[in-house]
Amino acid sequence: MRPASLRAALFAGTALLVLSGCGDKGPPIDEAGARKIENGIQQGLDLYLYDRPGMDVTVEGAPKAVPAGDHYDVTFPGLSIRLGDQDPETAGEDGSTGTVAKVGSTTARVVPLKDGTYRYEGKLPDTLQIVGADDEQIAFKIGSSRVAGVWLPQYDTSVDYELKAEKLSLDAKDLEIDNFGIDLIESKQTSTKKGEGINAVDAILSMKGLSIAGNGDTVKLDGLSFASALKDLDLPKYMAVLREFQTMSKAMAGKVETPAAQHEILAKVGQLFQTMGAISGTLTGTGLSIQSDDGDKVALAEFTYGSDYSGGAAELGRAGTSFSFRGLSIDPAPEMAWAIPQSMEIRLRADKIPAAAMGKALLDVVGAAPAGTDEDEASEAQQMAAMAAMAAVTEAAGKAGTTLTADAITVTLPAAAASLTGSATVVPTAAKGVTADYTLVLTDLDKAVKALSAPSGGAIDPQQMQAAMMLGMVQTLATPGKGSDGRPTHTLRLLVKEDGSILVNDKDIAQIMQAMQGQN
């Protein structure tokens, strides 16, 4: 398991967030303070940017800080990163190996404050250039940008900052991309102190006006945003564990595939997770449209995805996830348009999750292969450990009474709608290991059956007829009624009882199946 995504995120923020070791005093602005800033930046570059298998990093020069009256003018060096294959036998036509990404240098205005923190303001590099193994040229350009925030040397990070970049473009003719543009990217993160070292951190990253065109196809997205929140971040512990994690990762470069290394990495990730308290994030997109060169078009008015977790280092945790979309349209309409949802919403949550037991089980599986064993022996050892881990987690879930709840699962079709709510609980003494109580409400079911039963274009669609027959059977089982909007409904209640019996509207499902088979 490679912690690549975490390190990539750290690298992306390094340009302005590596002022570690910059001192804990404010003015005077002098050469000694400049050297301290330079040393702090260099320490950060050395820690986060290093060679590893599949990636060679070259820092082009050294950081430079110059006293300038009431502030320091700080220059961050450019970077050259070679990714991918380094084998000369598979080099490009010009003898080069891998793909090279070049990031230009940038500058910032840095002001030491009286409380020992540093206020900074600067800009992102104007251009990111990528050169492929066969000399394919890609240039990512930023029209204008601004990055500003406050650096906390005591925590070795910046938790309050804002970023704005406008008129982003991509020159990628070698990839047959005719046009790529983003009107605006903004990001803002703020923190609120809740106690000694405990902070609530809220962040939002948004993008507006994405357009991509190539080979006659176009993709447009009006807006995309990601909002996240950490309610009880233990900042000192988080940063301490994060630095340990990065130091460990650097020492393990090229060895992360070994079970021992994976075990250490997972353990450290678990420690990071435990410092965050409650965490949540929501991705929202609006105005998505995709059009092919032959005129076919798919559009989506809005889509969202969210997740949350609370529990931190506690034995039990709580997690939730959600997904929704609305305004789906397809032109021209496909043959099975009747089965394509126009909108959907899913909201699920799990309570009393045996988080500690699950974390231990995962570590037990990863660390089950003894050092020096071959791949087959390691796989067999981990399979045996996985069986034991599954049993342990199931037992812990039963003791805790873990519950999975569907707060809402709704689907809207052209001719009908469906909604499912309810919950299931792990019960060790239950015949099926769980008890459950779910309610399914179907709206305009009669209308849907009628629409599906009608011939389409003079011919009977077998799939439509099969769906109509299935919904017809549901009609006979469901309880008719009306919704709050007056539309006709059919309701099914599903119960899984402790004795193992399954009831649908108080009728045993085994008897229902026997009756259906008798009719056939």
Protein backbone atom coordinates (compact mmCIF):
# COMPACT_ATOMS: atom_id res chain seq x y z
CA MET A 1 0.00 0.00 0.00
CA ARG A 2 1.53 3.31 -1.08
CA PRO A 3 0.67 6.49 0.84
CA ALA A 4 1.01 8.36 -2.47
CA SER A 5 -2.15 10.43 -2.24
CA LEU A 6 -1.21 11.81 1.21
CA ARG A 7 2.31 12.68 0.08
CA ALA A 8 0.96 14.23 -3.12
CA ALA A 9 -1.29 16.48 -1.06
CA LEU A 10 1.65 17.45 1.13
CA PHE A 11 3.76 18.20 -1.93
CA ALA A 12 1.03 20.35 -3.47
CA GLY A 13 1.05 22.59 -0.40
CA THR A 14 4.79 22.62 0.16
CA ALA A 15 5.48 25.73 -1.95
CA LEU A 16 4.09 28.02 0.73
CA LEU A 17 3.65 25.78 3.78
CA VAL A 18 7.22 24.75 4.58
CA LEU A 19 8.29 27.69 6.71
CA SER A 20 9.06 25.30 9.57
CA GLY A 21 11.79 26.33 11.94
CA CYS A 22 11.41 30.00 11.04
CA GLY A 23 11.72 31.12 14.66
CA ASP A 24 9.29 32.21 17.29
CA LYS A 25 9.99 35.95 17.44
CA GLY A 26 8.81 38.88 15.35
CA PRO A 27 10.89 41.80 14.10
CA PRO A 28 13.63 42.90 13.65
CA ILE A 29 13.89 42.11 9.93
CA ASP A 30 17.53 41.19 9.41
CA GLU A 31 19.93 38.78 7.74
CA ALA A 32 19.77 36.34 10.66
CA GLY A 33 15.99 36.11 10.27
CA ALA A 34 16.41 35.61 6.52
CA ARG A 35 18.82 32.70 7.05
CA LYS A 36 16.38 31.12 9.51
CA ILE A 37 13.59 31.32 6.92
CA GLU A 38 15.83 29.80 4.25
CA ASN A 39 16.87 26.96 6.55
CA GLY A 40 13.26 26.25 7.52
CA ILE A 41 12.16 26.07 3.88
CA GLN A 42 15.09 23.83 2.97
CA GLN A 43 14.31 21.44 5.83
CA GLY A 44 10.76 21.14 4.55
CA LEU A 45 11.89 20.54 0.97
CA ASP A 46 14.31 17.84 2.13
CA LEU A 47 11.62 16.11 4.19
CA TYR A 48 8.79 16.12 1.64
CA LEU A 49 10.54 16.08 -1.75
CA TYR A 50 12.86 13.15 -2.26
CA ASP A 51 13.62 10.44 -4.82
CA ARG A 52 11.67 7.20 -4.64
CA PRO A 53 10.93 4.34 -7.05
CA GLY A 54 9.15 5.79 -10.07
CA MET A 55 9.88 9.41 -9.12
CA ASP A 56 13.08 11.47 -9.25
CA VAL A 57 12.92 14.95 -7.73
CA THR A 58 15.29 17.80 -8.53
CA VAL A 59 15.04 21.10 -6.64
CA GLU A 60 16.40 23.72 -8.98
CA GLY A 61 18.36 25.97 -6.65
CA ALA A 62 17.95 26.99 -3.03
CA PRO A 63 15.31 29.08 -1.26
CA LYS A 64 16.22 32.73 -0.84
CA ALA A 65 14.98 35.26 1.72
CA VAL A 66 15.91 38.94 1.48
CA PRO A 67 15.13 41.57 4.16
CA ALA A 68 12.96 44.29 2.61
CA GLY A 69 12.00 46.86 5.21
CA ASP A 70 9.02 45.52 7.16
CA HIS A 71 9.02 42.07 5.51
CA TYR A 72 11.08 39.42 3.74
CA ASP A 73 10.95 38.80 0.00
CA VAL A 74 11.13 35.02 -0.24
CA THR A 75 11.82 33.06 -3.42
CA PHE A 76 10.88 29.38 -3.61
CA PRO A 77 12.97 27.34 -6.07
CA GLY A 78 11.49 25.58 -9.08
CA LEU A 79 11.10 21.81 -9.23
CA SER A 80 11.70 19.13 -11.83
CA ILE A 81 9.99 15.80 -11.22
CA ARG A 82 10.56 12.77 -13.40
CA LEU A 83 7.76 10.20 -13.15
CA GLY A 84 7.40 6.66 -14.44
CA ASP A 85 9.74 4.27 -16.22
CA GLN A 86 13.46 4.93 -15.69
CA ASP A 87 14.64 1.98 -17.81
CA PRO A 88 16.90 3.13 -20.71
CA GLU A 89 15.75 0.12 -22.77
CA THR A 90 12.22 1.58 -22.91
CA ALA A 91 13.32 5.20 -23.36
CA GLY A 92 11.61 7.61 -25.73
CA GLU A 93 12.80 8.38 -29.25
CA ASP A 94 15.20 11.04 -27.96
CA GLY A 95 16.64 8.72 -25.30
CA SER A 96 14.63 10.26 -22.44
CA THR A 97 12.94 8.09 -19.83
CA GLY A 98 9.66 8.71 -18.04
CA THR A 99 7.61 11.90 -17.98
CA VAL A 100 9.09 15.13 -16.66
CA ALA A 101 7.02 17.78 -14.87
CA LYS A 102 8.62 21.18 -14.38
CA VAL A 103 7.26 23.74 -11.91
CA GLY A 104 8.66 27.25 -12.04
CA SER A 105 9.88 29.24 -9.07
CA THR A 106 7.61 31.61 -7.21
CA THR A 107 7.81 34.35 -4.62
CA ALA A 108 6.09 35.37 -1.39
CA ARG A 109 6.04 38.31 0.97
CA VAL A 110 6.60 37.05 4.53
CA VAL A 111 6.00 39.13 7.67
CA PRO A 112 6.99 37.87 11.15
CA LEU A 113 4.30 38.74 13.70
CA LYS A 114 4.67 39.55 17.39
CA ASP A 115 3.03 36.30 18.51
CA GLY A 116 5.70 34.26 16.72
CA THR A 117 3.61 33.40 13.68
CA TYR A 118 4.25 34.49 10.10
CA ARG A 119 1.85 36.12 7.68
CA TYR A 120 2.57 35.32 4.04
CA GLU A 121 1.22 36.43 0.69
CA GLY A 122 2.38 35.21 -2.68
CA LYS A 123 1.36 33.55 -5.91
CA LEU A 124 1.41 30.14 -7.53
CA PRO A 125 3.92 29.35 -10.28
CA ASP A 126 2.60 30.68 -13.59
CA THR A 127 3.30 27.51 -15.56
CA LEU A 128 3.51 23.76 -15.05
CA GLN A 129 5.23 22.14 -18.03
CA ILE A 130 5.03 18.39 -18.71
CA VAL A 131 7.23 16.64 -21.26
CA GLY A 132 6.49 13.02 -22.18
CA ALA A 133 9.00 10.30 -23.04
CA ASP A 134 8.44 10.97 -26.75
CA ASP A 135 8.68 14.74 -26.26
CA GLU A 136 4.91 15.33 -26.02
CA GLN A 137 4.48 18.89 -24.76
CA ILE A 138 1.84 19.94 -22.23
CA ALA A 139 1.72 23.35 -20.56
CA PHE A 140 -0.67 24.22 -17.73
CA LYS A 141 -0.89 27.99 -17.29
CA ILE A 142 -2.42 30.26 -14.63
CA GLY A 143 -3.49 33.74 -15.67
CA SER A 144 -3.30 35.23 -12.16
CA SER A 145 -3.18 33.88 -8.62
CA ARG A 146 -2.92 34.84 -4.97
CA VAL A 147 -2.13 32.74 -1.90
CA ALA A 148 -2.20 34.22 1.61
CA GLY A 149 -2.32 32.90 5.14
CA VAL A 150 -0.67 32.61 8.55
CA TRP A 151 2.10 30.12 9.28
CA LEU A 152 2.20 28.56 12.79
CA PRO A 153 5.79 27.55 13.51
CA GLN A 154 4.83 25.90 16.81
CA TYR A 155 2.60 23.46 14.90
CA ASP A 156 4.70 23.35 11.74
CA THR A 157 1.73 24.14 9.48
CA SER A 158 -0.74 26.74 8.22
CA VAL A 159 -4.39 26.17 9.10
CA ASP A 160 -5.75 29.56 8.02
CA TYR A 161 -5.22 30.45 4.38
CA GLU A 162 -6.96 31.44 1.15
CA LEU A 163 -6.14 30.86 -2.49
CA LYS A 164 -7.49 32.29 -5.72
CA ALA A 165 -6.43 31.40 -9.28
CA GLU A 166 -8.08 32.75 -12.43
CA LYS A 167 -8.03 31.94 -16.13
CA LEU A 168 -6.37 28.54 -16.03
CA SER A 169 -5.61 26.95 -19.39
CA LEU A 170 -3.95 23.87 -20.83
CA ASP A 171 -1.95 23.72 -24.03
CA ALA A 172 -2.09 20.01 -24.92
CA LYS A 173 -2.30 19.72 -28.69
CA ASP A 174 -0.12 16.57 -28.52
CA LEU A 175 -2.93 14.92 -26.51
CA GLU A 176 -5.54 16.02 -29.09
CA ILE A 177 -7.11 18.40 -26.58
CA ASP A 178 -8.21 21.48 -28.53
CA ASN A 179 -9.35 23.49 -25.55
CA PHE A 180 -9.09 23.23 -21.77
CA GLY A 181 -10.02 26.06 -19.48
CA ILE A 182 -11.09 26.88 -15.94
CA ASP A 183 -12.43 30.33 -15.15
CA LEU A 184 -11.74 30.30 -11.42
CA ILE A 185 -10.37 28.15 -8.59
CA GLU A 186 -10.77 29.31 -5.00
CA SER A 187 -9.85 27.72 -1.68
CA LYS A 188 -10.25 28.92 1.88
CA GLN A 189 -9.51 27.28 5.21
CA THR A 190 -10.25 28.72 8.63
CA SER A 191 -9.73 27.42 12.16
CA THR A 192 -11.43 28.08 15.48
CA LYS A 193 -9.68 27.26 18.73
CA LYS A 194 -11.83 25.05 20.99
CA GLY A 195 -9.29 24.18 23.65
CA GLU A 196 -5.59 23.69 24.26
CA GLY A 197 -4.34 22.40 20.91
CA ILE A 198 -7.89 21.47 19.80
CA ASN A 199 -9.21 23.23 16.72
CA ALA A 200 -12.26 23.14 14.49
CA VAL A 201 -11.09 23.47 10.89
CA ASP A 202 -13.40 24.27 7.98
CA ALA A 203 -12.24 24.32 4.37
CA ILE A 204 -13.75 24.72 0.93
CA LEU A 205 -12.21 24.26 -2.50
CA SER A 206 -14.28 25.36 -5.49
CA MET A 207 -13.94 25.54 -9.25
CA LYS A 208 -16.06 27.43 -11.77
CA GLY A 209 -16.33 27.29 -15.53
CA LEU A 210 -14.58 24.09 -16.63
CA SER A 211 -14.59 23.40 -20.37
CA ILE A 212 -12.77 20.67 -22.31
CA ALA A 213 -12.92 20.07 -26.07
CA GLY A 214 -11.15 17.58 -28.28
CA ASN A 215 -11.87 15.35 -31.28
CA GLY A 216 -15.28 16.95 -31.61
CA ASP A 217 -16.34 16.04 -28.05
CA THR A 218 -16.99 18.65 -25.38
CA VAL A 219 -17.33 18.53 -21.60
CA LYS A 220 -18.58 21.46 -19.54
CA LEU A 221 -19.05 21.85 -15.80
CA ASP A 222 -20.47 25.06 -14.36
CA GLY A 223 -19.21 24.45 -10.83
CA LEU A 224 -17.52 21.94 -8.55
CA SER A 225 -16.84 22.34 -4.84
CA PHE A 226 -15.53 20.26 -1.96
CA ALA A 227 -16.30 21.35 1.60
CA SER A 228 -14.67 19.61 4.56
CA ALA A 229 -14.78 20.01 8.34
CA LEU A 230 -12.73 18.73 11.25
CA LYS A 231 -14.61 19.41 14.47
CA ASP A 232 -12.01 18.37 17.04
CA LEU A 233 -8.58 18.28 15.42
CA ASP A 234 -5.77 17.75 17.94
CA LEU A 235 -3.36 19.87 15.94
CA PRO A 236 -0.13 19.27 17.95
CA LYS A 237 -0.64 15.49 17.89
CA TYR A 238 -1.70 15.48 14.24
CA MET A 239 1.38 17.38 13.09
CA ALA A 240 3.70 15.30 15.27
CA VAL A 241 2.34 12.04 13.84
CA LEU A 242 2.37 13.49 10.31
CA ARG A 243 6.06 14.37 10.59
CA GLU A 244 6.78 10.88 11.95
CA PHE A 245 4.82 9.43 9.04
CA GLN A 246 6.76 11.45 6.47
CA THR A 247 10.12 10.61 8.05
CA MET A 248 9.17 6.93 8.07
CA SER A 249 7.95 7.05 4.47
CA LYS A 250 11.20 8.63 3.32
CA ALA A 251 13.23 5.96 5.09
CA MET A 252 11.04 3.25 3.49
CA ALA A 253 11.32 4.57 -0.07
CA GLY A 254 11.36 1.49 -2.31
CA LYS A 255 10.33 -0.89 0.50
CA VAL A 256 6.65 -0.06 0.99
CA GLU A 257 5.52 -3.28 -0.73
CA THR A 258 6.78 -5.46 2.12
CA PRO A 259 4.21 -6.63 4.72
CA ALA A 260 6.27 -5.12 7.54
CA ALA A 261 6.34 -1.71 5.84
CA GLN A 262 2.62 -1.84 5.06
CA HIS A 263 1.91 -2.70 8.69
CA GLU A 264 3.90 0.33 9.90
CA ILE A 265 2.26 2.64 7.36
CA LEU A 266 -1.26 1.52 8.28
CA ALA A 267 -0.52 1.88 11.98
CA LYS A 268 0.68 5.45 11.45
CA VAL A 269 -2.35 6.29 9.28
CA GLY A 270 -4.55 4.98 12.09
CA GLN A 271 -2.80 7.28 14.55
CA LEU A 272 -3.39 10.23 12.22
CA PHE A 273 -7.06 9.34 11.94
CA GLN A 274 -7.44 9.21 15.70
CA THR A 275 -6.28 12.82 16.09
CA MET A 276 -9.04 14.21 13.86
CA GLY A 277 -12.13 13.72 16.03
CA ALA A 278 -15.19 14.17 13.81
CA ILE A 279 -14.51 14.59 10.09
CA SER A 280 -16.84 15.26 7.16
CA GLY A 281 -16.66 16.17 3.49
CA THR A 282 -19.12 16.96 0.69
CA LEU A 283 -18.48 17.15 -3.05
CA THR A 284 -21.03 19.12 -5.12
CA GLY A 285 -21.14 19.60 -8.88
CA THR A 286 -23.55 21.67 -11.00
CA GLY A 287 -24.25 22.05 -14.68
CA LEU A 288 -22.48 19.00 -16.12
CA SER A 289 -22.88 18.40 -19.85
CA ILE A 290 -21.12 15.98 -22.18
CA GLN A 291 -21.64 16.16 -25.95
CA SER A 292 -20.10 13.82 -28.51
CA ASP A 293 -19.06 14.68 -32.03
CA ASP A 294 -22.23 13.05 -33.42
CA GLY A 295 -24.49 15.34 -31.37
CA ASP A 296 -25.47 12.93 -28.56
CA LYS A 297 -25.71 14.76 -25.24
CA VAL A 298 -25.90 13.83 -21.56
CA ALA A 299 -26.64 16.53 -18.99
CA LEU A 300 -26.89 16.53 -15.20
CA ALA A 301 -28.18 19.55 -13.30
CA GLU A 302 -26.55 18.67 -9.95
CA PHE A 303 -24.76 15.83 -8.15
CA THR A 304 -23.42 15.45 -4.62
CA TYR A 305 -21.39 12.95 -2.63
CA GLY A 306 -20.70 13.20 1.08
CA SER A 307 -19.23 11.19 3.92
CA ASP A 308 -18.56 11.68 7.62
CA TYR A 309 -17.04 9.86 10.57
CA SER A 310 -16.94 10.57 14.27
CA GLY A 311 -15.34 8.65 17.08
CA GLY A 312 -11.65 9.45 16.88
CA ALA A 313 -9.72 7.07 19.15
CA ALA A 314 -12.88 5.68 20.82
CA GLU A 315 -13.78 1.99 20.70
CA LEU A 316 -16.96 2.71 18.75
CA GLY A 317 -17.53 5.12 15.89
CA ARG A 318 -20.26 6.47 13.65
CA ALA A 319 -20.09 6.89 9.87
CA GLY A 320 -22.38 8.19 7.19
CA THR A 321 -22.41 8.50 3.43
CA SER A 322 -24.70 10.21 0.96
CA PHE A 323 -25.11 10.49 -2.79
CA SER A 324 -27.63 12.33 -4.92
CA PHE A 325 -28.25 13.67 -8.38
CA ARG A 326 -31.10 15.44 -10.15
CA GLY A 327 -31.94 16.68 -13.60
CA LEU A 328 -30.51 13.81 -15.65
CA SER A 329 -31.31 14.05 -19.35
CA ILE A 330 -30.12 12.03 -22.34
CA ASP A 331 -30.62 13.18 -25.93
CA PRO A 332 -31.59 11.25 -27.96
CA ALA A 333 -33.52 9.18 -25.44
CA PRO A 334 -32.30 5.54 -25.19
CA GLU A 335 -34.57 2.54 -25.76
CA MET A 336 -34.83 1.82 -22.02
CA ALA A 337 -35.50 5.43 -21.03
CA TRP A 338 -38.28 4.22 -18.72
CA ALA A 339 -35.67 2.52 -16.50
CA ILE A 340 -33.23 5.44 -16.22
CA PRO A 341 -33.65 7.51 -13.02
CA GLN A 342 -34.18 11.23 -13.44
CA SER A 343 -33.06 11.82 -9.87
CA MET A 344 -31.78 9.80 -6.92
CA GLU A 345 -30.90 10.33 -3.27
CA ILE A 346 -29.10 7.90 -0.94
CA ARG A 347 -28.38 8.63 2.74
CA LEU A 348 -26.91 5.82 4.84
CA ARG A 349 -25.36 5.76 8.28
CA ALA A 350 -23.80 3.17 10.56
CA ASP A 351 -23.87 3.53 14.36
CA LYS A 352 -21.82 1.74 17.02
CA ILE A 353 -19.13 0.68 14.54
CA PRO A 354 -16.43 -1.43 16.27
CA ALA A 355 -13.73 0.92 14.98
CA ALA A 356 -10.96 -0.24 17.31
CA ALA A 357 -11.60 -3.90 16.50
CA MET A 358 -11.67 -3.17 12.77
CA GLY A 359 -8.38 -1.27 12.94
CA LYS A 360 -6.71 -4.10 14.86
CA ALA A 361 -8.11 -6.68 12.42
CA LEU A 362 -6.68 -4.82 9.44
CA LEU A 363 -3.26 -4.57 11.06
CA ASP A 364 -3.37 -8.27 11.96
CA VAL A 365 -4.07 -9.22 8.34
CA VAL A 366 -1.38 -7.00 6.86
CA GLY A 367 1.22 -8.08 9.41
CA ALA A 368 0.37 -11.79 9.23
CA ALA A 369 3.08 -12.66 6.68
CA PRO A 370 6.39 -13.34 8.47
CA ALA A 371 9.49 -11.62 7.11
CA GLY A 372 11.33 -13.63 4.49
CA THR A 373 8.32 -15.67 3.30
CA ASP A 374 7.66 -15.99 -0.41
CA GLU A 375 4.57 -14.54 -2.10
CA ASP A 376 2.48 -17.73 -1.87
CA GLU A 377 3.27 -18.29 1.81
CA ALA A 378 2.53 -14.63 2.60
CA SER A 379 -0.79 -14.82 0.75
CA GLU A 380 -1.84 -17.99 2.60
CA ALA A 381 -0.90 -16.48 5.97
CA GLN A 382 -2.90 -13.34 5.23
CA GLN A 383 -5.92 -15.35 4.08
CA MET A 384 -5.93 -17.27 7.37
CA ALA A 385 -5.56 -14.02 9.28
CA ALA A 386 -8.41 -12.47 7.28
CA MET A 387 -10.78 -15.27 8.34
CA ALA A 388 -9.88 -14.77 11.98
CA ALA A 389 -10.18 -10.99 11.61
CA MET A 390 -13.63 -11.27 10.05
CA ALA A 391 -14.80 -13.42 12.94
CA ALA A 392 -13.38 -10.96 15.47
CA VAL A 393 -15.03 -7.96 13.81
CA THR A 394 -18.37 -9.78 13.54
CA GLU A 395 -18.22 -10.66 17.24
CA ALA A 396 -17.35 -7.07 18.16
CA ALA A 397 -20.21 -5.73 16.00
CA GLY A 398 -22.61 -8.11 17.73
CA LYS A 399 -21.50 -7.02 21.19
CA ALA A 400 -21.75 -3.36 20.21
CA GLY A 401 -25.11 -3.72 18.45
CA THR A 402 -23.88 -2.16 15.21
CA THR A 403 -26.76 -0.69 13.22
CA LEU A 404 -27.02 0.22 9.52
CA THR A 405 -29.76 2.76 8.82
CA ALA A 406 -31.16 3.88 5.48
CA ASP A 407 -32.33 7.41 6.27
CA ALA A 408 -33.41 7.71 2.66
CA ILE A 409 -33.00 5.84 -0.59
CA THR A 410 -35.22 7.48 -3.21
CA VAL A 411 -35.33 6.97 -6.96
CA THR A 412 -37.49 8.91 -9.41
CA LEU A 413 -38.20 7.29 -12.78
CA PRO A 414 -40.15 8.83 -15.69
CA ALA A 415 -43.33 6.96 -14.68
CA ALA A 416 -42.89 6.25 -10.96
CA ALA A 417 -40.85 6.76 -7.80
CA ALA A 418 -39.57 4.58 -4.95
CA SER A 419 -38.41 5.31 -1.40
CA LEU A 420 -36.74 2.97 1.11
CA THR A 421 -36.15 3.68 4.80
CA GLY A 422 -35.32 1.52 7.81
CA SER A 423 -32.47 -0.16 9.63
CA ALA A 424 -30.70 -3.46 10.34
CA THR A 425 -28.92 -4.36 13.58
CA VAL A 426 -26.26 -6.99 14.20
CA VAL A 427 -27.65 -9.42 16.81
CA PRO A 428 -25.42 -12.41 17.70
CA THR A 429 -28.35 -14.49 18.96
CA ALA A 430 -30.45 -13.94 15.82
CA ALA A 431 -30.83 -16.87 13.43
CA LYS A 432 -29.50 -14.82 10.52
CA GLY A 433 -27.10 -12.74 12.62
CA VAL A 434 -29.19 -9.61 12.13
CA THR A 435 -32.67 -8.21 12.64
CA ALA A 436 -34.10 -5.68 10.20
CA ASP A 437 -37.09 -3.44 9.59
CA TYR A 438 -37.33 -1.65 6.22
CA THR A 439 -40.23 0.09 4.50
CA LEU A 440 -40.49 0.49 0.71
CA VAL A 441 -42.97 3.00 -0.69
CA LEU A 442 -43.72 2.94 -4.42
CA THR A 443 -45.45 5.98 -5.89
CA ASP A 444 -47.56 5.89 -9.08
CA LEU A 445 -47.01 2.13 -9.38
CA ASP A 446 -50.27 1.64 -11.31
CA LYS A 447 -49.20 4.26 -13.83
CA ALA A 448 -45.80 2.59 -14.24
CA VAL A 449 -47.33 -0.87 -14.81
CA LYS A 450 -49.70 0.54 -17.40
CA ALA A 451 -46.92 2.40 -19.21
CA LEU A 452 -44.66 -0.65 -19.29
CA SER A 453 -47.45 -2.96 -20.46
CA ALA A 454 -48.31 -0.76 -23.46
CA PRO A 455 -46.59 -1.71 -26.74
CA SER A 456 -43.88 0.72 -27.78
CA GLY A 457 -43.95 1.62 -31.47
CA GLY A 458 -46.26 -1.27 -32.26
CA ALA A 459 -43.84 -3.85 -30.80
CA ILE A 460 -43.72 -5.35 -27.31
CA ASP A 461 -40.37 -4.83 -25.58
CA PRO A 462 -39.59 -8.10 -23.66
CA GLN A 463 -37.69 -6.20 -20.97
CA GLN A 464 -40.60 -3.81 -20.45
CA MET A 465 -43.06 -6.71 -20.21
CA GLN A 466 -40.84 -8.53 -17.68
CA ALA A 467 -40.62 -5.38 -15.56
CA ALA A 468 -44.40 -4.90 -15.80
CA MET A 469 -45.03 -8.48 -14.61
CA MET A 470 -42.66 -8.04 -11.66
CA LEU A 471 -44.30 -4.78 -10.62
CA GLY A 472 -47.72 -6.42 -11.03
CA MET A 473 -46.72 -9.05 -8.44
CA VAL A 474 -45.57 -6.26 -6.13
CA GLN A 475 -49.02 -4.69 -6.50
CA THR A 476 -50.68 -7.80 -5.09
CA LEU A 477 -48.40 -7.82 -2.03
CA ALA A 478 -48.30 -4.09 -1.26
CA THR A 479 -50.71 -2.03 0.81
CA PRO A 480 -52.33 0.73 -1.29
CA GLY A 481 -52.62 4.27 0.00
CA LYS A 482 -51.87 7.91 -0.77
CA GLY A 483 -48.84 10.06 -0.15
CA SER A 484 -48.80 13.53 1.40
CA ASP A 485 -49.06 14.97 -2.11
CA GLY A 486 -52.16 12.90 -2.89
CA ARG A 487 -50.42 10.58 -5.34
CA PRO A 488 -51.26 6.86 -5.07
CA THR A 489 -48.75 4.69 -3.18
CA HIS A 490 -48.07 1.01 -2.56
CA THR A 491 -46.18 0.12 0.63
CA LEU A 492 -44.13 -2.96 1.51
CA ARG A 493 -42.69 -3.54 4.98
CA LEU A 494 -39.84 -6.05 5.23
CA LEU A 495 -39.04 -7.59 8.62
CA VAL A 496 -36.15 -9.93 9.43
CA LYS A 497 -36.99 -11.34 12.86
CA GLU A 498 -34.68 -12.85 15.46
CA ASP A 499 -35.99 -16.35 14.77
CA GLY A 500 -34.87 -16.01 11.12
CA SER A 501 -38.30 -15.54 9.58
CA ILE A 502 -38.69 -12.91 6.86
CA LEU A 503 -42.03 -11.16 6.61
CA VAL A 504 -43.37 -8.93 3.85
CA ASN A 505 -46.40 -7.00 5.09
CA ASP A 506 -46.79 -9.60 7.86
CA LYS A 507 -46.73 -12.50 5.37
CA ASP A 508 -43.97 -15.10 5.51
CA ILE A 509 -41.84 -14.78 2.41
CA ALA A 510 -41.47 -18.56 2.18
CA GLN A 511 -45.24 -18.91 1.81
CA ILE A 512 -45.30 -16.08 -0.74
CA MET A 513 -42.64 -17.83 -2.85
CA GLN A 514 -44.52 -21.14 -2.67
CA ALA A 515 -47.73 -19.44 -3.80
CA MET A 516 -45.92 -17.77 -6.73
CA GLN A 517 -44.39 -21.08 -7.81
CA GLY A 518 -47.84 -22.71 -7.62
CA GLN A 519 -49.23 -20.05 -9.97
CA ASN A 520 -46.46 -20.84 -12.41
